[in-house]
Amino acid sequence: MSSPLLDWFAPCPRGLEAPLAAKLDEIGDRHIDGAPAPGGVHFRGSWLAGMAANLHSRIASRVLLKIAHGPYRNEDDLYELTHRQRWEQWFTSNQTMRVDLTAIKSPVKNLEFTTLRVKDAVCDRLREVAGARPSIDTAQPDVRVFAFLTVNECTLYLDTSGEPLFKRGWRLDKGAAPLRENLAAGILRLIGWTPETPLFDPMCGSGTFLAEAAQAALSIAPGSERRFGFEKLKPFQPMTWQKLREAAFEARNAAFAAQRDLNIFGGDISGDMLEKARANLNRAGIPRLMLKQVDARNMVPPTDAPGILIANPPYGERIEVRGRGPRGEIRDTGRFRREDEEAFARAQPDPADTEFFVSFGNALKQRFPGWRAYVLTSDRKLPGLMRLRESTKTPLFNGALECRLFRFDLIAGSVRNRPAGEPAGE
């Protein structure tokens, strides 16, 4: 007897909906009718489909089980919609829970009060059925309920992921404004990188691009070393989950047995960051990659064959701290004074940054003919700083930080043969 089909939604970083839908298609016949939507992908499938999406998807931020959808006008309508649902079939009153609410153009005026009404409806339902209310734990709950409000409709979801899926469990050391793992994985998919193509990150930082590429090349399931929220829900079947994980480990072992040297290379101006990258790669189960301390202005291709260069460069004070002294010499302090995304968004290139990116652009033009270069940045003026003209630019979000992924096609002879005054990189 086949398992009943359920409705799911897998949110992801904006701009990566199509790559996520393609990845879910690859997971197999465990889901049907996958459809990209703004901010994620809707799909239908069994309980096994939800577990498989959690285990294998590199791009999703969460996997949410749709519980209900209906109209509303006010907080009382939301209470009634939530109270009607059979929460007792998913979890018990002995478990802890939290409720998160997101609203877009909603008429409700107090989101905190509205969240409390949804929470009370869940708790009241369980008290009526089981005689007790679940406790609230906003830090590490057993169960997470999500409510999404539009102008006049509400959708209720049950989270099956627990911690966000970009938290793979391997990255303990990171630098300022870290690149989220699922964004890195989505970018690699978006640019069409395959393991046969050389990949080089000359500003690798804590190694996020490198780890995501290597794990994909070695068929390492991104969720193979972490726990999930569905393990605490009533439909969870440990034996079925164990078989799913065992199949993932078998695929990894087969890939390791067949794999020769990985065409993945990294560099950074900071020796301290390279040590963090090596530690992260080790925790991610990645064999030793070729990492080299290098100033990106002096970089050279790591292979004879052209490939893809990918970079998420630092800005402002982060460049200064990560290795360039006042006269341009390399220095490796390992100190970071900007730690959050807001500071990263505020950072603007100063004259020293301009010199750095002009030199970086020159290195690309002079030493990487035939390569494709991709640069992720929150500064839309970066191509001008690099004196290169982008062939494409794709809007993406690293958390709440709006970025652009610029592509530069580095054609052989573009520097030598261009007329005086004409920008390179065409």
Protein backbone atom coordinates (compact mmCIF):
# COMPACT_ATOMS: atom_id res chain seq x y z
CA MET A 1 0.00 0.00 0.00
CA SER A 2 1.48 3.33 -1.05
CA SER A 3 1.95 6.12 1.45
CA PRO A 4 -0.44 9.07 1.25
CA LEU A 5 0.75 12.12 -0.64
CA LEU A 6 1.37 15.25 1.39
CA ASP A 7 1.88 18.87 0.38
CA TRP A 8 5.31 20.36 1.06
CA PHE A 9 7.09 23.68 0.63
CA ALA A 10 10.88 24.01 0.54
CA PRO A 11 11.97 27.66 0.97
CA CYS A 12 15.35 28.71 -0.37
CA PRO A 13 17.43 31.86 -0.95
CA ARG A 14 15.66 34.11 -3.42
CA GLY A 15 16.98 33.60 -6.91
CA LEU A 16 17.63 29.88 -6.47
CA GLU A 17 14.11 28.52 -6.93
CA ALA A 18 14.81 26.92 -10.33
CA PRO A 19 18.03 25.14 -9.21
CA LEU A 20 16.20 23.86 -6.13
CA ALA A 21 13.34 22.49 -8.25
CA ALA A 22 15.87 20.73 -10.48
CA LYS A 23 17.61 19.23 -7.44
CA LEU A 24 14.34 17.94 -6.02
CA ASP A 25 13.63 16.32 -9.39
CA GLU A 26 16.96 14.49 -9.11
CA ILE A 27 16.09 13.02 -5.73
CA GLY A 28 13.96 10.51 -7.61
CA ASP A 29 10.36 9.41 -7.78
CA ARG A 30 9.65 10.36 -4.19
CA HIS A 31 7.78 13.53 -5.14
CA ILE A 32 5.53 14.74 -7.94
CA ASP A 33 4.27 18.06 -9.27
CA GLY A 34 7.20 20.14 -8.03
CA ALA A 35 6.67 23.82 -8.89
CA PRO A 36 8.95 26.80 -8.22
CA ALA A 37 7.35 29.76 -6.46
CA PRO A 38 8.79 33.03 -5.17
CA GLY A 39 11.14 32.04 -2.37
CA GLY A 40 10.96 28.26 -2.74
CA VAL A 41 9.42 25.18 -4.33
CA HIS A 42 6.05 23.48 -3.71
CA PHE A 43 5.91 19.72 -4.18
CA ARG A 44 3.72 16.73 -3.35
CA GLY A 45 5.01 13.47 -1.99
CA SER A 46 5.00 10.92 0.79
CA TRP A 47 6.55 11.27 4.23
CA LEU A 48 9.61 9.61 2.71
CA ALA A 49 9.80 12.47 0.20
CA GLY A 50 10.08 14.97 3.04
CA MET A 51 12.86 13.01 4.72
CA ALA A 52 14.73 12.61 1.42
CA ALA A 53 14.45 16.34 0.67
CA ASN A 54 15.89 17.15 4.10
CA LEU A 55 18.75 14.69 3.65
CA HIS A 56 19.74 15.44 0.06
CA SER A 57 18.78 19.01 -0.82
CA ARG A 58 21.76 21.34 -0.81
CA ILE A 59 19.76 24.47 -1.64
CA ALA A 60 16.60 24.39 0.51
CA SER A 61 16.58 26.37 3.75
CA ARG A 62 13.90 24.16 5.32
CA VAL A 63 11.34 21.54 4.34
CA LEU A 64 7.87 22.51 5.56
CA LEU A 65 4.82 20.24 5.68
CA LYS A 66 1.62 22.05 4.72
CA ILE A 67 -1.07 21.53 7.37
CA ALA A 68 -3.83 23.93 6.30
CA HIS A 69 -4.69 26.85 4.06
CA GLY A 70 -7.66 29.18 4.36
CA PRO A 71 -9.00 32.74 4.28
CA TYR A 72 -8.98 35.11 7.24
CA ARG A 73 -9.97 38.66 8.11
CA ASN A 74 -8.68 39.03 11.64
CA GLU A 75 -6.91 37.26 14.51
CA ASP A 76 -10.06 35.37 15.52
CA ASP A 77 -10.26 33.79 12.07
CA LEU A 78 -6.64 32.70 12.40
CA TYR A 79 -7.39 31.16 15.80
CA GLU A 80 -10.33 29.19 14.40
CA LEU A 81 -8.36 27.95 11.36
CA THR A 82 -5.48 26.80 13.56
CA HIS A 83 -7.71 25.28 16.25
CA ARG A 84 -9.53 23.09 13.70
CA GLN A 85 -6.36 21.24 12.71
CA ARG A 86 -5.54 17.80 14.12
CA TRP A 87 -2.20 18.70 15.67
CA GLU A 88 -2.44 15.60 17.85
CA GLN A 89 -1.65 13.41 14.83
CA TRP A 90 1.75 15.08 14.49
CA PHE A 91 3.04 15.60 18.05
CA THR A 92 2.05 15.32 21.70
CA SER A 93 1.35 17.77 24.49
CA ASN A 94 4.49 16.51 26.27
CA GLN A 95 6.71 18.09 23.64
CA THR A 96 7.92 21.67 23.51
CA MET A 97 6.98 23.96 20.63
CA ARG A 98 7.33 27.43 19.18
CA VAL A 99 5.35 29.37 16.58
CA ASP A 100 6.87 31.62 13.91
CA LEU A 101 4.75 33.96 11.82
CA THR A 102 5.59 35.76 8.57
CA ALA A 103 3.26 38.31 6.98
CA ILE A 104 3.24 40.05 3.60
CA LYS A 105 0.73 42.89 3.21
CA SER A 106 -1.36 41.43 6.01
CA PRO A 107 -4.09 43.59 7.60
CA VAL A 108 -3.20 42.43 11.12
CA LYS A 109 -1.56 45.26 13.06
CA ASN A 110 0.22 43.41 15.84
CA LEU A 111 2.25 40.43 14.64
CA GLU A 112 3.32 39.50 18.16
CA PHE A 113 -0.29 39.27 19.33
CA THR A 114 -1.24 37.36 16.18
CA THR A 115 1.55 34.87 16.82
CA LEU A 116 0.23 34.37 20.34
CA ARG A 117 -3.27 33.66 18.99
CA VAL A 118 -1.91 30.97 16.65
CA LYS A 119 0.12 29.49 19.52
CA ASP A 120 -2.92 29.50 21.83
CA ALA A 121 -5.00 27.73 19.18
CA VAL A 122 -2.48 24.88 18.91
CA CYS A 123 -2.15 24.60 22.68
CA ASP A 124 -5.91 24.74 23.28
CA ARG A 125 -6.53 22.03 20.71
CA LEU A 126 -4.02 19.68 22.37
CA ARG A 127 -5.38 20.46 25.84
CA GLU A 128 -8.89 19.59 24.71
CA VAL A 129 -7.74 16.34 23.11
CA ALA A 130 -5.00 15.21 25.51
CA GLY A 131 -5.74 17.15 28.69
CA ALA A 132 -2.49 19.12 28.69
CA ARG A 133 -0.86 22.02 26.83
CA PRO A 134 2.64 21.76 25.34
CA SER A 135 5.33 23.97 26.86
CA ILE A 136 6.84 26.79 24.83
CA ASP A 137 10.57 26.75 24.09
CA THR A 138 11.72 29.46 21.70
CA ALA A 139 15.38 28.35 21.73
CA GLN A 140 15.39 24.59 21.08
CA PRO A 141 11.80 23.40 20.63
CA ASP A 142 10.84 19.88 19.70
CA VAL A 143 8.27 21.20 17.23
CA ARG A 144 8.09 24.35 15.12
CA VAL A 145 4.83 25.64 13.65
CA PHE A 146 5.02 28.25 10.89
CA ALA A 147 2.17 30.56 9.86
CA PHE A 148 2.42 32.53 6.61
CA LEU A 149 -0.04 35.39 6.05
CA THR A 150 -0.85 37.25 2.86
CA VAL A 151 -3.50 39.93 2.40
CA ASN A 152 -6.41 37.56 3.11
CA GLU A 153 -5.05 33.99 3.27
CA CYS A 154 -3.14 31.97 5.86
CA THR A 155 -1.06 28.85 5.36
CA LEU A 156 0.00 26.73 8.32
CA TYR A 157 3.13 24.60 8.12
CA LEU A 158 4.90 22.12 10.35
CA ASP A 159 8.68 22.30 10.14
CA THR A 160 10.43 18.99 9.48
CA SER A 161 14.00 20.34 9.43
CA GLY A 162 14.65 21.73 12.91
CA GLU A 163 17.80 23.80 12.53
CA PRO A 164 17.97 25.52 9.10
CA LEU A 165 19.32 23.20 6.44
CA PHE A 166 22.25 25.47 5.61
CA LYS A 167 23.64 24.40 8.99
CA ARG A 168 25.30 21.22 7.76
CA GLY A 169 27.14 20.62 11.00
CA TRP A 170 30.67 20.92 9.62
CA ARG A 171 31.37 24.65 9.72
CA LEU A 172 32.61 25.66 13.14
CA ASP A 173 35.20 28.21 12.01
CA LYS A 174 34.04 31.10 9.88
CA GLY A 175 35.02 34.63 9.03
CA ALA A 176 33.07 37.85 8.92
CA ALA A 177 29.83 37.93 6.88
CA PRO A 178 29.96 34.17 6.19
CA LEU A 179 28.52 32.83 2.96
CA ARG A 180 25.63 30.49 3.74
CA GLU A 181 26.20 26.92 2.65
CA ASN A 182 22.96 26.55 0.70
CA LEU A 183 23.63 29.78 -1.18
CA ALA A 184 27.09 28.51 -2.15
CA ALA A 185 25.61 25.19 -3.30
CA GLY A 186 22.92 26.97 -5.28
CA ILE A 187 25.45 29.23 -6.99
CA LEU A 188 27.53 26.23 -8.04
CA ARG A 189 24.41 24.70 -9.55
CA LEU A 190 23.34 28.00 -11.12
CA ILE A 191 26.65 28.48 -12.95
CA GLY A 192 26.63 24.93 -14.28
CA TRP A 193 29.78 23.70 -12.53
CA THR A 194 30.46 19.96 -12.79
CA PRO A 195 33.25 17.96 -11.08
CA GLU A 196 35.06 17.58 -14.42
CA THR A 197 35.60 21.36 -14.60
CA PRO A 198 38.44 22.94 -12.58
CA LEU A 199 37.12 25.17 -9.82
CA PHE A 200 39.26 27.82 -8.13
CA ASP A 201 38.34 30.13 -5.24
CA PRO A 202 41.26 32.52 -4.63
CA MET A 203 39.55 34.18 -1.64
CA CYS A 204 38.12 31.04 -0.09
CA GLY A 205 37.86 32.27 3.50
CA SER A 206 36.49 29.45 5.65
CA GLY A 207 36.07 27.24 2.57
CA THR A 208 32.31 27.27 1.94
CA PHE A 209 32.44 27.08 -1.87
CA LEU A 210 35.16 24.42 -1.69
CA ALA A 211 33.29 22.22 0.80
CA GLU A 212 29.99 22.40 -1.07
CA ALA A 213 31.66 21.60 -4.39
CA ALA A 214 33.67 18.70 -2.96
CA GLN A 215 30.70 17.19 -1.15
CA ALA A 216 28.65 17.33 -4.35
CA ALA A 217 31.50 15.74 -6.32
CA LEU A 218 31.80 12.95 -3.75
CA SER A 219 28.03 12.36 -3.39
CA ILE A 220 28.11 13.29 0.30
CA ALA A 221 24.54 14.02 1.35
CA PRO A 222 24.51 17.47 3.00
CA GLY A 223 22.32 16.24 5.86
CA SER A 224 24.13 12.98 6.56
CA GLU A 225 25.78 14.20 9.78
CA ARG A 226 22.99 16.18 11.43
CA ARG A 227 19.62 15.70 13.14
CA PHE A 228 16.22 16.80 11.84
CA GLY A 229 12.94 18.01 13.25
CA PHE A 230 10.96 15.15 11.68
CA GLU A 231 12.72 12.73 14.05
CA LYS A 232 10.52 14.14 16.86
CA LEU A 233 7.21 13.92 15.01
CA LYS A 234 4.73 11.04 15.30
CA PRO A 235 4.95 9.74 11.70
CA PHE A 236 8.72 9.25 12.03
CA GLN A 237 9.79 5.68 11.27
CA PRO A 238 13.38 5.06 12.48
CA MET A 239 13.93 1.97 10.34
CA THR A 240 12.86 3.73 7.14
CA TRP A 241 15.09 6.68 7.99
CA GLN A 242 18.01 4.37 8.72
CA LYS A 243 17.65 2.73 5.30
CA LEU A 244 17.57 6.14 3.64
CA ARG A 245 20.78 7.18 5.41
CA GLU A 246 22.47 3.87 4.63
CA ALA A 247 21.71 4.34 0.94
CA ALA A 248 23.27 7.80 1.13
CA PHE A 249 26.41 6.40 2.77
CA GLU A 250 26.64 3.67 0.12
CA ALA A 251 26.48 6.30 -2.63
CA ARG A 252 29.19 8.28 -0.87
CA ASN A 253 31.44 5.22 -0.53
CA ALA A 254 31.00 4.37 -4.20
CA ALA A 255 31.88 7.92 -5.20
CA PHE A 256 34.98 7.86 -2.99
CA ALA A 257 36.09 4.57 -4.55
CA ALA A 258 35.68 5.90 -8.09
CA GLN A 259 37.01 9.41 -7.50
CA ARG A 260 40.54 10.42 -8.32
CA ASP A 261 41.94 13.86 -7.59
CA LEU A 262 39.32 16.57 -7.18
CA ASN A 263 39.59 19.50 -9.59
CA ILE A 264 38.90 21.92 -6.72
CA PHE A 265 41.46 24.50 -5.55
CA GLY A 266 41.46 27.27 -2.98
CA GLY A 267 43.57 30.15 -1.82
CA ASP A 268 43.44 33.02 0.62
CA ILE A 269 45.76 35.79 1.70
CA SER A 270 45.28 34.85 5.35
CA GLY A 271 47.07 31.81 6.73
CA ASP A 272 44.66 31.79 9.67
CA MET A 273 41.66 31.55 7.31
CA LEU A 274 43.31 28.70 5.42
CA GLU A 275 43.69 26.79 8.68
CA LYS A 276 39.99 27.35 9.37
CA ALA A 277 39.16 26.17 5.86
CA ARG A 278 41.25 23.00 6.33
CA ALA A 279 39.51 22.27 9.65
CA ASN A 280 36.07 22.79 8.09
CA LEU A 281 36.90 20.57 5.11
CA ASN A 282 38.10 17.85 7.45
CA ARG A 283 34.83 17.98 9.41
CA ALA A 284 32.92 17.90 6.11
CA GLY A 285 34.58 14.58 5.24
CA ILE A 286 36.60 16.05 2.37
CA PRO A 287 40.01 14.62 1.42
CA ARG A 288 42.83 17.14 1.46
CA LEU A 289 42.40 19.78 -1.24
CA MET A 290 45.14 21.96 -2.64
CA LEU A 291 44.98 25.19 -0.60
CA LYS A 292 47.60 27.89 -1.03
CA GLN A 293 48.28 31.16 0.73
CA VAL A 294 48.10 33.71 -2.06
CA ASP A 295 47.33 37.35 -2.68
CA ALA A 296 44.56 37.35 -5.30
CA ARG A 297 46.40 40.12 -7.15
CA ASN A 298 49.28 37.71 -7.76
CA MET A 299 47.25 34.53 -8.37
CA VAL A 300 47.89 32.16 -11.26
CA PRO A 301 45.65 29.37 -12.62
CA PRO A 302 45.97 26.12 -10.65
CA THR A 303 45.56 24.02 -13.82
CA ASP A 304 46.54 24.22 -17.47
CA ALA A 305 42.96 23.64 -18.59
CA PRO A 306 40.58 26.62 -18.28
CA GLY A 307 37.89 26.33 -15.66
CA ILE A 308 35.67 28.38 -13.37
CA LEU A 309 36.91 30.94 -10.86
CA ILE A 310 34.45 31.76 -8.08
CA ALA A 311 34.92 34.43 -5.42
CA ASN A 312 33.03 36.13 -2.63
CA PRO A 313 35.54 38.92 -1.94
CA PRO A 314 35.80 40.83 1.33
CA TYR A 315 35.39 44.59 1.55
CA GLY A 316 36.76 47.62 3.32
CA GLU A 317 38.26 46.86 6.69
CA ARG A 318 38.02 43.13 6.01
CA ILE A 319 40.51 43.41 3.13
CA GLU A 320 42.85 45.47 5.31
CA VAL A 321 42.64 42.98 8.15
CA ARG A 322 42.98 39.95 5.93
CA GLY A 323 46.32 40.79 4.58
CA ARG A 324 47.19 44.12 3.05
CA GLY A 325 49.23 46.62 4.98
CA PRO A 326 49.43 50.31 4.15
CA ARG A 327 52.10 49.72 1.49
CA GLY A 328 50.46 46.71 -0.10
CA GLU A 329 52.53 44.04 1.65
CA ILE A 330 50.90 40.83 2.86
CA ARG A 331 50.24 40.60 6.55
CA ASP A 332 48.28 37.88 8.26
CA THR A 333 46.72 39.12 11.50
CA GLY A 334 43.76 36.78 11.64
CA ARG A 335 41.72 39.54 13.30
CA PHE A 336 38.21 40.48 12.17
CA ARG A 337 36.40 43.52 13.48
CA ARG A 338 33.27 43.22 11.37
CA GLU A 339 31.32 40.14 12.28
CA ASP A 340 27.77 40.55 11.04
CA GLU A 341 25.92 41.00 7.79
CA GLU A 342 24.81 44.55 8.58
CA ALA A 343 28.41 45.70 8.83
CA PHE A 344 29.18 43.84 5.60
CA ALA A 345 26.31 45.66 3.87
CA ARG A 346 27.57 49.05 5.11
CA ALA A 347 31.16 48.49 4.02
CA GLN A 348 32.08 50.55 0.98
CA PRO A 349 35.23 50.30 -1.11
CA ASP A 350 37.84 52.88 -0.11
CA PRO A 351 40.81 53.95 -2.28
CA ALA A 352 42.84 50.98 -1.07
CA ASP A 353 39.99 48.66 -2.08
CA THR A 354 39.91 50.31 -5.49
CA GLU A 355 43.59 49.53 -5.98
CA PHE A 356 43.01 45.94 -4.87
CA PHE A 357 40.13 45.28 -7.25
CA VAL A 358 41.86 46.97 -10.18
CA SER A 359 44.80 44.62 -9.60
CA PHE A 360 42.47 41.64 -9.14
CA GLY A 361 40.75 42.45 -12.43
CA ASN A 362 44.12 42.77 -14.17
CA ALA A 363 45.15 39.35 -12.84
CA LEU A 364 41.98 37.84 -14.31
CA LYS A 365 42.50 39.48 -17.69
CA GLN A 366 46.19 38.71 -17.99
CA ARG A 367 46.46 35.22 -16.49
CA PHE A 368 43.07 33.51 -16.89
CA PRO A 369 42.20 33.54 -20.60
CA GLY A 370 39.47 31.06 -21.41
CA TRP A 371 38.17 30.96 -17.84
CA ARG A 372 34.77 32.03 -16.59
CA ALA A 373 34.91 34.14 -13.45
CA TYR A 374 31.97 34.62 -11.07
CA VAL A 375 32.07 37.19 -8.28
CA LEU A 376 29.38 37.46 -5.59
CA THR A 377 29.19 40.89 -4.01
CA SER A 378 26.82 43.36 -2.42
CA ASP A 379 28.52 46.20 -4.33
CA ARG A 380 26.91 46.71 -7.73
CA LYS A 381 29.83 48.91 -8.80
CA LEU A 382 32.39 46.12 -8.51
CA PRO A 383 32.74 45.47 -12.27
CA GLY A 384 33.71 49.11 -12.69
CA LEU A 385 36.30 48.81 -9.93
CA MET A 386 37.71 45.72 -11.63
CA ARG A 387 37.59 47.44 -15.04
CA LEU A 388 35.74 44.48 -16.47
CA ARG A 389 32.37 44.32 -18.15
CA GLU A 390 30.08 41.59 -16.86
CA SER A 391 28.30 39.28 -19.28
CA THR A 392 25.49 38.57 -16.79
CA LYS A 393 24.45 39.67 -13.32
CA THR A 394 22.08 37.65 -11.16
CA PRO A 395 20.34 39.05 -8.04
CA LEU A 396 20.78 36.76 -5.02
CA PHE A 397 20.40 37.05 -1.26
CA ASN A 398 22.84 35.92 1.43
CA GLY A 399 20.36 35.89 4.30
CA ALA A 400 18.83 39.37 4.22
CA LEU A 401 21.80 40.86 2.35
CA GLU A 402 21.06 41.61 -1.31
CA CYS A 403 23.93 40.66 -3.61
CA ARG A 404 24.76 40.31 -7.29
CA LEU A 405 26.51 37.38 -8.92
CA PHE A 406 28.56 38.86 -11.78
CA ARG A 407 29.87 36.67 -14.58
CA PHE A 408 32.97 37.64 -16.54
CA ASP A 409 33.98 35.76 -19.70
CA LEU A 410 37.74 36.04 -19.97
CA ILE A 411 38.46 35.69 -23.66
CA ALA A 412 42.03 34.96 -24.73
CA GLY A 413 43.66 38.03 -26.23
CA SER A 414 41.11 40.44 -24.79
CA VAL A 415 43.88 42.49 -23.14
CA ARG A 416 46.48 42.45 -25.92
CA ASN A 417 44.17 43.10 -28.84
CA ARG A 418 41.62 45.57 -27.60
CA PRO A 419 41.81 49.19 -28.87
CA ALA A 420 43.20 51.77 -26.47
CA GLY A 421 40.62 52.89 -23.96
CA GLU A 422 38.22 50.01 -24.58
CA PRO A 423 37.21 48.08 -21.44
CA ALA A 424 38.39 44.48 -21.22
CA GLY A 425 36.42 41.39 -20.41
CA GLU A 426 34.09 41.32 -23.41
